[in-house]
Amino acid sequence: MAKEKQALTKLRIDKWLWAARFFKTRRIASDAISGGKVHVNGQRVKPSKEVHINDTLQINKVGLSWEITILGLNAQRRPANEATKLYDEDEKSLKRRQELIALNKDMYASAPQSERPNKKQRRQIHRFKQAD
């Protein structure tokens, strides 16, 4: 009796989010779903909710948001380049997220650097003090 490989028609949302590499573990995915960070077809759901192809998801994570459509189901976690083939992101969502990332980079790049001396400067200070 050989098992036949059947195409998946439904999959738990927590498992799909883990397989699509939105979350590192299923536990973290479940916590995000329970916390209202993930919506399926505009509705808040439980981690056991089964998703199907063409369902839409809204995912909020660390200040970023994704609006995606499910294109494929995979019960196993695969490499990142294969995981991106499981969904299609809305262009507005992608553009909004990239602008937010660029804004955050600009904000942190313009932040003043620490006023503490670095290693080279500390050595110079020690040499100066010992020269007296």
N, C-alpha and C. Protein backbone atom coordinates (compact mmCIF):
# COMPACT_ATOMS: atom_id res chain seq x y z
N MET A 1 0.82 -1.18 0.00
CA MET A 1 0.00 0.00 0.00
C MET A 1 0.87 1.25 0.00
N ALA A 2 1.07 1.82 -1.11
CA ALA A 2 1.85 3.04 -1.23
C ALA A 2 0.93 4.24 -1.07
N LYS A 3 1.40 5.20 -0.29
CA LYS A 3 0.61 6.41 -0.11
C LYS A 3 0.69 7.24 -1.38
N GLU A 4 -0.45 7.68 -1.83
CA GLU A 4 -0.46 8.55 -3.00
C GLU A 4 -0.37 9.99 -2.53
N LYS A 5 0.42 10.76 -3.24
CA LYS A 5 0.59 12.16 -2.87
C LYS A 5 -0.59 12.95 -3.44
N GLN A 6 -1.40 13.49 -2.55
CA GLN A 6 -2.56 14.25 -2.97
C GLN A 6 -2.29 15.74 -2.80
N ALA A 7 -2.86 16.52 -3.70
CA ALA A 7 -2.73 17.97 -3.58
C ALA A 7 -3.59 18.44 -2.41
N LEU A 8 -3.04 19.33 -1.62
CA LEU A 8 -3.78 19.86 -0.49
C LEU A 8 -4.86 20.83 -0.97
N THR A 9 -6.03 20.74 -0.36
CA THR A 9 -7.10 21.67 -0.69
C THR A 9 -7.37 22.62 0.47
N LYS A 10 -6.94 22.25 1.67
CA LYS A 10 -7.09 23.11 2.85
C LYS A 10 -5.96 22.82 3.82
N LEU A 11 -5.66 23.83 4.64
CA LEU A 11 -4.56 23.72 5.60
C LEU A 11 -4.81 24.70 6.73
N ARG A 12 -4.43 24.32 7.94
CA ARG A 12 -4.58 25.22 9.09
C ARG A 12 -3.79 26.51 8.84
N ILE A 13 -4.36 27.63 9.26
CA ILE A 13 -3.73 28.92 9.03
C ILE A 13 -2.39 29.04 9.73
N ASP A 14 -2.27 28.51 10.96
CA ASP A 14 -0.99 28.61 11.66
C ASP A 14 0.10 27.82 10.95
N LYS A 15 -0.27 26.68 10.41
CA LYS A 15 0.70 25.85 9.69
C LYS A 15 1.09 26.52 8.36
N TRP A 16 0.11 27.15 7.69
CA TRP A 16 0.41 27.81 6.42
C TRP A 16 1.35 28.99 6.64
N LEU A 17 1.08 29.80 7.68
CA LEU A 17 1.94 30.95 7.96
C LEU A 17 3.36 30.53 8.29
N TRP A 18 3.49 29.41 9.00
CA TRP A 18 4.82 28.87 9.31
C TRP A 18 5.51 28.38 8.03
N ALA A 19 4.77 27.65 7.18
CA ALA A 19 5.35 27.12 5.95
C ALA A 19 5.71 28.23 4.97
N ALA A 20 4.93 29.32 4.96
CA ALA A 20 5.21 30.44 4.07
C ALA A 20 6.25 31.39 4.65
N ARG A 21 6.79 31.05 5.82
CA ARG A 21 7.89 31.77 6.47
C ARG A 21 7.54 33.18 6.93
N PHE A 22 6.29 33.38 7.32
CA PHE A 22 5.93 34.64 7.96
C PHE A 22 6.30 34.62 9.43
N PHE A 23 6.30 33.43 10.03
CA PHE A 23 6.67 33.28 11.43
C PHE A 23 7.64 32.12 11.56
N LYS A 24 8.55 32.23 12.53
CA LYS A 24 9.60 31.23 12.69
C LYS A 24 9.08 29.91 13.23
N THR A 25 8.06 29.94 14.08
CA THR A 25 7.50 28.72 14.63
C THR A 25 5.98 28.75 14.53
N ARG A 26 5.36 27.60 14.61
CA ARG A 26 3.91 27.54 14.60
C ARG A 26 3.34 28.16 15.87
N ARG A 27 4.05 28.06 16.96
CA ARG A 27 3.60 28.65 18.21
C ARG A 27 3.51 30.17 18.10
N ILE A 28 4.51 30.78 17.50
CA ILE A 28 4.49 32.23 17.32
C ILE A 28 3.37 32.62 16.36
N ALA A 29 3.17 31.83 15.33
CA ALA A 29 2.07 32.08 14.39
C ALA A 29 0.72 31.98 15.10
N SER A 30 0.56 30.96 15.94
CA SER A 30 -0.69 30.78 16.69
C SER A 30 -0.95 31.96 17.62
N ASP A 31 0.10 32.43 18.28
CA ASP A 31 -0.05 33.56 19.19
C ASP A 31 -0.45 34.83 18.43
N ALA A 32 0.13 35.03 17.25
CA ALA A 32 -0.21 36.20 16.43
C ALA A 32 -1.66 36.12 15.96
N ILE A 33 -2.11 34.95 15.56
CA ILE A 33 -3.49 34.77 15.12
C ILE A 33 -4.44 35.02 16.28
N SER A 34 -4.14 34.44 17.43
CA SER A 34 -4.99 34.62 18.62
C SER A 34 -5.01 36.08 19.07
N GLY A 35 -3.94 36.79 18.83
CA GLY A 35 -3.84 38.19 19.22
C GLY A 35 -4.48 39.14 18.22
N GLY A 36 -5.08 38.62 17.16
CA GLY A 36 -5.76 39.46 16.19
C GLY A 36 -4.85 40.10 15.16
N LYS A 37 -3.64 39.59 15.01
CA LYS A 37 -2.70 40.16 14.04
C LYS A 37 -2.89 39.60 12.63
N VAL A 38 -3.70 38.54 12.50
CA VAL A 38 -3.93 37.91 11.20
C VAL A 38 -5.43 37.80 10.97
N HIS A 39 -5.87 38.24 9.78
CA HIS A 39 -7.28 38.15 9.40
C HIS A 39 -7.39 37.39 8.09
N VAL A 40 -8.39 36.53 7.99
CA VAL A 40 -8.65 35.77 6.76
C VAL A 40 -9.95 36.29 6.16
N ASN A 41 -9.87 36.74 4.91
CA ASN A 41 -11.03 37.30 4.21
C ASN A 41 -11.71 38.38 5.05
N GLY A 42 -10.90 39.21 5.72
CA GLY A 42 -11.42 40.32 6.52
C GLY A 42 -11.98 39.94 7.87
N GLN A 43 -11.86 38.68 8.28
CA GLN A 43 -12.43 38.23 9.55
C GLN A 43 -11.31 37.77 10.49
N ARG A 44 -11.49 38.06 11.77
CA ARG A 44 -10.56 37.54 12.77
C ARG A 44 -10.84 36.06 12.94
N VAL A 45 -9.79 35.24 13.04
CA VAL A 45 -9.95 33.79 13.08
C VAL A 45 -9.15 33.17 14.21
N LYS A 46 -9.35 31.89 14.40
CA LYS A 46 -8.58 31.11 15.37
C LYS A 46 -7.45 30.39 14.63
N PRO A 47 -6.42 29.92 15.36
CA PRO A 47 -5.30 29.23 14.71
C PRO A 47 -5.71 27.96 13.96
N SER A 48 -6.83 27.36 14.33
CA SER A 48 -7.25 26.11 13.69
C SER A 48 -8.05 26.35 12.41
N LYS A 49 -8.30 27.60 12.06
CA LYS A 49 -9.05 27.92 10.85
C LYS A 49 -8.33 27.35 9.64
N GLU A 50 -9.09 26.70 8.76
CA GLU A 50 -8.49 26.15 7.55
C GLU A 50 -8.59 27.16 6.41
N VAL A 51 -7.47 27.35 5.73
CA VAL A 51 -7.44 28.28 4.60
C VAL A 51 -7.42 27.49 3.30
N HIS A 52 -7.87 28.15 2.26
CA HIS A 52 -7.94 27.54 0.94
C HIS A 52 -7.23 28.44 -0.06
N ILE A 53 -6.96 27.94 -1.23
CA ILE A 53 -6.35 28.74 -2.28
C ILE A 53 -7.32 29.87 -2.63
N ASN A 54 -6.80 31.04 -2.90
CA ASN A 54 -7.51 32.28 -3.23
C ASN A 54 -8.10 32.99 -2.01
N ASP A 55 -7.84 32.52 -0.80
CA ASP A 55 -8.23 33.28 0.39
C ASP A 55 -7.31 34.49 0.51
N THR A 56 -7.82 35.57 1.08
CA THR A 56 -6.98 36.75 1.29
C THR A 56 -6.63 36.85 2.77
N LEU A 57 -5.40 37.23 3.03
CA LEU A 57 -4.92 37.38 4.40
C LEU A 57 -4.40 38.79 4.63
N GLN A 58 -4.65 39.31 5.82
CA GLN A 58 -4.04 40.56 6.27
C GLN A 58 -3.19 40.19 7.48
N ILE A 59 -1.88 40.42 7.35
CA ILE A 59 -0.94 40.04 8.40
C ILE A 59 -0.25 41.30 8.91
N ASN A 60 -0.29 41.52 10.22
CA ASN A 60 0.41 42.64 10.85
C ASN A 60 1.48 42.06 11.76
N LYS A 61 2.71 42.51 11.55
CA LYS A 61 3.83 41.95 12.31
C LYS A 61 4.89 43.03 12.47
N VAL A 62 5.24 43.36 13.69
CA VAL A 62 6.30 44.30 14.02
C VAL A 62 6.14 45.63 13.26
N GLY A 63 4.93 46.16 13.24
CA GLY A 63 4.70 47.43 12.58
C GLY A 63 4.57 47.37 11.07
N LEU A 64 4.77 46.21 10.49
CA LEU A 64 4.63 46.05 9.04
C LEU A 64 3.35 45.27 8.75
N SER A 65 2.80 45.47 7.56
CA SER A 65 1.58 44.74 7.22
C SER A 65 1.66 44.21 5.79
N TRP A 66 1.05 43.06 5.61
CA TRP A 66 0.98 42.40 4.31
C TRP A 66 -0.48 42.17 3.97
N GLU A 67 -0.85 42.35 2.72
CA GLU A 67 -2.15 41.94 2.21
C GLU A 67 -1.86 40.98 1.07
N ILE A 68 -2.16 39.71 1.31
CA ILE A 68 -1.77 38.70 0.34
C ILE A 68 -2.94 37.81 -0.04
N THR A 69 -2.77 37.13 -1.18
CA THR A 69 -3.70 36.12 -1.64
C THR A 69 -2.96 34.80 -1.68
N ILE A 70 -3.57 33.76 -1.15
CA ILE A 70 -2.93 32.45 -1.10
C ILE A 70 -2.98 31.80 -2.48
N LEU A 71 -1.82 31.41 -3.00
CA LEU A 71 -1.73 30.74 -4.31
C LEU A 71 -1.48 29.25 -4.18
N GLY A 72 -0.92 28.83 -3.06
CA GLY A 72 -0.59 27.42 -2.88
C GLY A 72 -0.56 27.03 -1.42
N LEU A 73 -0.71 25.74 -1.20
CA LEU A 73 -0.68 25.20 0.17
C LEU A 73 0.47 24.21 0.26
N ASN A 74 1.22 24.31 1.35
CA ASN A 74 2.34 23.40 1.55
C ASN A 74 2.41 23.10 3.05
N ALA A 75 2.32 21.83 3.40
CA ALA A 75 2.32 21.43 4.81
C ALA A 75 3.72 21.43 5.41
N GLN A 76 4.74 21.47 4.56
CA GLN A 76 6.12 21.44 5.05
C GLN A 76 6.78 22.79 4.79
N ARG A 77 7.69 23.14 5.67
CA ARG A 77 8.45 24.38 5.52
C ARG A 77 9.53 24.15 4.48
N ARG A 78 9.54 24.97 3.47
CA ARG A 78 10.50 24.85 2.37
C ARG A 78 11.41 26.08 2.35
N PRO A 79 12.41 26.09 1.46
CA PRO A 79 13.29 27.26 1.38
C PRO A 79 12.50 28.54 1.06
N ALA A 80 13.09 29.68 1.40
CA ALA A 80 12.40 30.96 1.27
C ALA A 80 11.96 31.24 -0.16
N ASN A 81 12.79 30.88 -1.16
CA ASN A 81 12.39 31.18 -2.54
C ASN A 81 11.18 30.34 -2.97
N GLU A 82 11.00 29.17 -2.39
CA GLU A 82 9.81 28.37 -2.67
C GLU A 82 8.62 28.88 -1.86
N ALA A 83 8.88 29.37 -0.67
CA ALA A 83 7.80 29.87 0.19
C ALA A 83 7.13 31.09 -0.42
N THR A 84 7.87 31.92 -1.13
CA THR A 84 7.28 33.11 -1.74
C THR A 84 6.33 32.77 -2.87
N LYS A 85 6.42 31.56 -3.38
CA LYS A 85 5.50 31.13 -4.46
C LYS A 85 4.15 30.69 -3.92
N LEU A 86 4.00 30.62 -2.59
CA LEU A 86 2.74 30.21 -1.99
C LEU A 86 1.74 31.35 -1.91
N TYR A 87 2.17 32.58 -2.16
CA TYR A 87 1.27 33.73 -2.04
C TYR A 87 1.63 34.82 -3.03
N ASP A 88 0.67 35.72 -3.25
CA ASP A 88 0.86 36.88 -4.11
C ASP A 88 0.49 38.10 -3.29
N GLU A 89 1.41 39.04 -3.19
CA GLU A 89 1.15 40.23 -2.38
C GLU A 89 0.56 41.34 -3.23
N ASP A 90 -0.39 42.06 -2.66
CA ASP A 90 -1.01 43.20 -3.31
C ASP A 90 0.05 44.28 -3.53
N GLU A 91 0.01 44.95 -4.69
CA GLU A 91 1.02 45.96 -5.01
C GLU A 91 1.00 47.13 -4.04
N LYS A 92 -0.19 47.54 -3.61
CA LYS A 92 -0.30 48.64 -2.65
C LYS A 92 0.37 48.26 -1.32
N SER A 93 0.14 47.03 -0.91
CA SER A 93 0.72 46.54 0.34
C SER A 93 2.24 46.53 0.25
N LEU A 94 2.77 46.04 -0.85
CA LEU A 94 4.22 45.97 -1.05
C LEU A 94 4.82 47.37 -1.04
N LYS A 95 4.20 48.29 -1.77
CA LYS A 95 4.71 49.66 -1.86
C LYS A 95 4.67 50.34 -0.50
N ARG A 96 3.56 50.18 0.23
CA ARG A 96 3.41 50.79 1.55
C ARG A 96 4.47 50.26 2.52
N ARG A 97 4.72 48.95 2.48
CA ARG A 97 5.71 48.35 3.38
C ARG A 97 7.12 48.81 3.03
N GLN A 98 7.45 48.89 1.74
CA GLN A 98 8.78 49.34 1.33
C GLN A 98 9.02 50.80 1.72
N GLU A 99 7.98 51.64 1.61
CA GLU A 99 8.11 53.04 2.03
C GLU A 99 8.36 53.14 3.53
N LEU A 100 7.65 52.32 4.30
CA LEU A 100 7.83 52.33 5.75
C LEU A 100 9.23 51.86 6.14
N ILE A 101 9.73 50.84 5.46
CA ILE A 101 11.08 50.35 5.73
C ILE A 101 12.11 51.43 5.40
N ALA A 102 11.93 52.10 4.25
CA ALA A 102 12.85 53.17 3.86
C ALA A 102 12.81 54.32 4.86
N LEU A 103 11.62 54.67 5.34
CA LEU A 103 11.46 55.74 6.31
C LEU A 103 12.18 55.37 7.61
N ASN A 104 12.04 54.13 8.05
CA ASN A 104 12.72 53.69 9.28
C ASN A 104 14.23 53.73 9.11
N LYS A 105 14.73 53.33 7.94
CA LYS A 105 16.17 53.38 7.70
C LYS A 105 16.69 54.81 7.76
N ASP A 106 15.94 55.73 7.14
CA ASP A 106 16.34 57.14 7.16
C ASP A 106 16.34 57.69 8.58
N MET A 107 15.33 57.30 9.36
CA MET A 107 15.21 57.80 10.72
C MET A 107 16.39 57.33 11.57
N TYR A 108 16.77 56.05 11.43
CA TYR A 108 17.88 55.53 12.23
C TYR A 108 19.23 55.99 11.71
N ALA A 109 19.33 56.27 10.41
CA ALA A 109 20.59 56.73 9.85
C ALA A 109 20.90 58.14 10.33
N SER A 110 19.86 58.96 10.55
CA SER A 110 20.08 60.33 10.97
C SER A 110 20.20 60.47 12.49
N ALA A 111 20.03 59.39 13.21
CA ALA A 111 20.14 59.44 14.67
C ALA A 111 21.58 59.74 15.07
N PRO A 112 21.77 60.56 16.10
CA PRO A 112 23.15 60.88 16.51
C PRO A 112 23.86 59.63 17.03
N GLN A 113 25.13 59.58 16.73
CA GLN A 113 25.94 58.47 17.19
C GLN A 113 26.29 58.66 18.66
N SER A 114 26.71 57.61 19.29
CA SER A 114 27.07 57.65 20.70
C SER A 114 28.24 58.60 20.91
N GLU A 115 28.20 59.30 22.03
CA GLU A 115 29.27 60.24 22.34
C GLU A 115 30.41 59.57 23.10
N ARG A 116 30.28 58.28 23.35
CA ARG A 116 31.36 57.55 24.04
C ARG A 116 32.53 57.36 23.09
N PRO A 117 33.74 57.40 23.61
CA PRO A 117 34.91 57.18 22.74
C PRO A 117 34.98 55.73 22.28
N ASN A 118 35.44 55.53 21.06
CA ASN A 118 35.62 54.17 20.56
C ASN A 118 36.95 53.61 21.09
N LYS A 119 37.28 52.41 20.68
CA LYS A 119 38.45 51.74 21.24
C LYS A 119 39.75 52.52 20.97
N LYS A 120 39.88 53.02 19.76
CA LYS A 120 41.09 53.76 19.40
C LYS A 120 41.20 55.03 20.24
N GLN A 121 40.08 55.74 20.39
CA GLN A 121 40.10 56.97 21.17
C GLN A 121 40.39 56.70 22.65
N ARG A 122 39.88 55.60 23.18
CA ARG A 122 40.16 55.25 24.57
C ARG A 122 41.65 55.00 24.78
N ARG A 123 42.27 54.32 23.84
CA ARG A 123 43.72 54.07 23.95
C ARG A 123 44.50 55.38 23.93
N GLN A 124 44.06 56.29 23.07
CA GLN A 124 44.74 57.60 23.02
C GLN A 124 44.58 58.35 24.34
N ILE A 125 43.40 58.26 24.93
CA ILE A 125 43.16 58.92 26.22
C ILE A 125 44.06 58.33 27.30
N HIS A 126 44.17 56.98 27.33
CA HIS A 126 45.03 56.32 28.32
C HIS A 126 46.48 56.71 28.13
N ARG A 127 46.95 56.77 26.89
CA ARG A 127 48.34 57.17 26.62
C ARG A 127 48.58 58.61 27.07
N PHE A 128 47.62 59.47 26.80
CA PHE A 128 47.73 60.88 27.18
C PHE A 128 47.83 61.03 28.70
N LYS A 129 46.99 60.28 29.43
CA LYS A 129 46.98 60.36 30.89
C LYS A 129 48.27 59.81 31.48
N GLN A 130 48.85 58.77 30.88
CA GLN A 130 50.07 58.18 31.40
C GLN A 130 51.29 59.02 31.07
N ALA A 131 51.20 59.88 30.08
CA ALA A 131 52.33 60.72 29.67
C ALA A 131 52.63 61.79 30.72
N ASP A 132 51.69 62.12 31.59
CA ASP A 132 51.91 63.17 32.60
C ASP A 132 52.90 62.78 33.61
